Amino acid sequence: MTVENLPALSPSETEILRLVWQLDKATVQEVCEKLPAERKITYATVQTLLRRLEKKGYLKHTVNGKAHVFSAAVEREHVVKRSVGDFLDRLFGGDPIPLMQYLAEHGTISADDIENLKRLTSKQ
C-alpha cells in the first residue's frame, strides 16, 4: 500500500505515530511513558491506537518475549508531505502563501524563522 492510499489519521493516532517515530521502536509501555503527564490515556487505549495504526498500514510489529515492539511501516517524511499537502489543499486551495501570511500575521513565525525561510528558498 502506498502512502497516498493509507487511511487518514485521527489526532490521537497522529500523536501516537509521532511518538513511535521519535522512539524508533517502542512497546505499548514505552509509548505510554513518552506521553505528556497531563494526557490521561490508559495503557489499553494506547494499545488500541497502536493496533489501529498497524491495521491502517502505518506501523508494523515484532514480538520480543511477551512484548509487541512497534516500528514505523512508512517514513515520517512521506506522511508529513501528504498531510501538509492535504491541509494546504483543503484550507488554501494548495497555495502555501496564504498559510505563511497567516502564520506571520499571527506572530507564529519569528524574524529568525523568516531569515531561515529566505535561505531555504534561495537554494532552490
Protein backbone atom coordinates (compact mmCIF):
# COMPACT_ATOMS: atom_id res chain seq x y z
CA MET A 1 0.00 0.00 0.00
CA THR A 2 1.41 3.42 -0.94
CA VAL A 3 1.36 6.39 1.42
CA GLU A 4 -1.24 8.06 -0.81
CA ASN A 5 -3.60 5.12 -0.27
CA LEU A 6 -3.25 4.97 3.52
CA PRO A 7 -6.38 5.90 5.50
CA ALA A 8 -6.47 9.29 7.22
CA LEU A 9 -5.26 9.59 10.81
CA SER A 10 -7.18 10.85 13.81
CA PRO A 11 -5.43 13.38 16.08
CA SER A 12 -4.81 10.66 18.69
CA GLU A 13 -3.38 8.29 16.09
CA THR A 14 -1.12 11.06 14.80
CA GLU A 15 0.16 11.72 18.32
CA ILE A 16 0.96 8.04 18.88
CA LEU A 17 2.60 7.65 15.46
CA ARG A 18 4.76 10.71 16.14
CA LEU A 19 5.93 9.14 19.41
CA VAL A 20 6.82 5.87 17.68
CA TRP A 21 8.84 7.85 15.12
CA GLN A 22 10.66 9.62 17.97
CA LEU A 23 11.40 6.36 19.77
CA ASP A 24 12.22 4.45 16.54
CA LYS A 25 10.88 1.21 18.07
CA ALA A 26 8.53 1.09 21.02
CA THR A 27 6.41 -1.14 23.19
CA VAL A 28 3.00 -0.04 24.45
CA GLN A 29 4.59 0.76 27.82
CA GLU A 30 7.32 2.90 26.22
CA VAL A 31 4.73 4.91 24.29
CA CYS A 32 2.70 5.38 27.49
CA GLU A 33 5.80 6.65 29.29
CA LYS A 34 6.57 9.12 26.50
CA LEU A 35 3.10 10.71 26.61
CA PRO A 36 2.90 14.06 28.40
CA ALA A 37 1.88 13.67 32.05
CA GLU A 38 -1.28 15.73 31.54
CA ARG A 39 -2.51 13.26 28.90
CA LYS A 40 -4.68 10.77 30.71
CA ILE A 41 -4.59 7.91 28.22
CA THR A 42 -4.76 4.38 29.56
CA TYR A 43 -2.45 1.56 28.57
CA ALA A 44 -5.36 -0.19 26.85
CA THR A 45 -6.16 2.91 24.78
CA VAL A 46 -2.53 3.24 23.65
CA GLN A 47 -2.54 -0.46 22.75
CA THR A 48 -5.72 0.01 20.72
CA LEU A 49 -4.27 3.04 18.90
CA LEU A 50 -1.07 1.15 18.07
CA ARG A 51 -3.08 -1.80 16.70
CA ARG A 52 -5.28 0.57 14.70
CA LEU A 53 -2.16 2.24 13.22
CA GLU A 54 -0.82 -1.19 12.32
CA LYS A 55 -4.10 -2.19 10.67
CA LYS A 56 -4.09 1.07 8.68
CA GLY A 57 -0.55 0.32 7.47
CA TYR A 58 1.40 2.98 9.36
CA LEU A 59 3.08 0.61 11.84
CA LYS A 60 4.36 -2.95 11.98
CA HIS A 61 5.43 -5.02 14.95
CA THR A 62 7.75 -7.77 16.06
CA VAL A 63 7.45 -9.87 19.20
CA ASN A 64 10.18 -9.72 21.83
CA GLY A 65 9.28 -12.15 24.61
CA LYS A 66 5.74 -11.17 25.58
CA ALA A 67 6.06 -7.59 24.32
CA HIS A 68 5.00 -6.34 20.92
CA VAL A 69 7.58 -3.88 19.61
CA PHE A 70 6.12 -1.39 17.14
CA SER A 71 8.02 0.48 14.46
CA ALA A 72 7.10 2.64 11.52
CA ALA A 73 5.99 0.94 8.33
CA VAL A 74 6.12 4.26 6.45
CA GLU A 75 8.64 7.07 6.55
CA ARG A 76 7.76 10.18 8.51
CA GLU A 77 8.63 12.44 5.59
CA HIS A 78 6.10 10.75 3.30
CA VAL A 79 3.29 11.06 5.84
CA VAL A 80 4.15 14.69 6.64
CA LYS A 81 4.30 15.59 2.94
CA ARG A 82 0.89 14.05 2.29
CA SER A 83 -0.70 15.50 5.42
CA VAL A 84 0.61 19.01 4.80
CA GLY A 85 -0.43 18.78 1.15
CA ASP A 86 -3.94 17.68 2.13
CA PHE A 87 -4.14 20.52 4.66
CA LEU A 88 -2.99 23.10 2.10
CA ASP A 89 -5.47 21.79 -0.47
CA ARG A 90 -8.41 21.84 1.94
CA LEU A 91 -7.81 25.21 3.56
CA PHE A 92 -5.84 27.20 0.98
CA GLY A 93 -6.50 25.61 -2.40
CA GLY A 94 -2.96 24.24 -2.46
CA ASP A 95 -1.32 27.69 -2.21
CA PRO A 96 1.22 27.90 0.66
CA ILE A 97 1.46 31.72 0.58
CA PRO A 98 -1.82 32.39 2.47
CA LEU A 99 -0.71 29.91 5.13
CA MET A 100 2.64 31.67 5.52
CA GLN A 101 0.90 35.04 5.65
CA TYR A 102 -1.46 33.77 8.34
CA LEU A 103 1.43 32.44 10.43
CA ALA A 104 3.39 35.69 10.02
CA GLU A 105 0.39 37.91 10.86
CA HIS A 106 -0.46 35.95 13.99
CA GLY A 107 3.07 36.04 15.39
CA THR A 108 3.80 32.36 14.99
CA ILE A 109 6.86 33.00 12.80
CA SER A 110 9.83 34.89 14.22
CA ALA A 111 12.28 37.10 12.33
CA ASP A 112 14.84 34.27 12.61
CA ASP A 113 12.33 31.87 11.05
CA ILE A 114 11.83 34.27 8.13
CA GLU A 115 15.60 34.50 7.61
CA ASN A 116 15.80 30.70 7.59
CA LEU A 117 12.98 30.56 5.04
CA LYS A 118 14.80 33.09 2.86
CA ARG A 119 17.91 30.91 2.94
CA LEU A 120 15.88 27.82 2.08
CA THR A 121 14.14 29.48 -0.86
CA SER A 122 17.39 30.96 -2.22
CA LYS A 123 18.83 27.42 -2.50
CA GLN A 124 16.08 26.31 -4.88
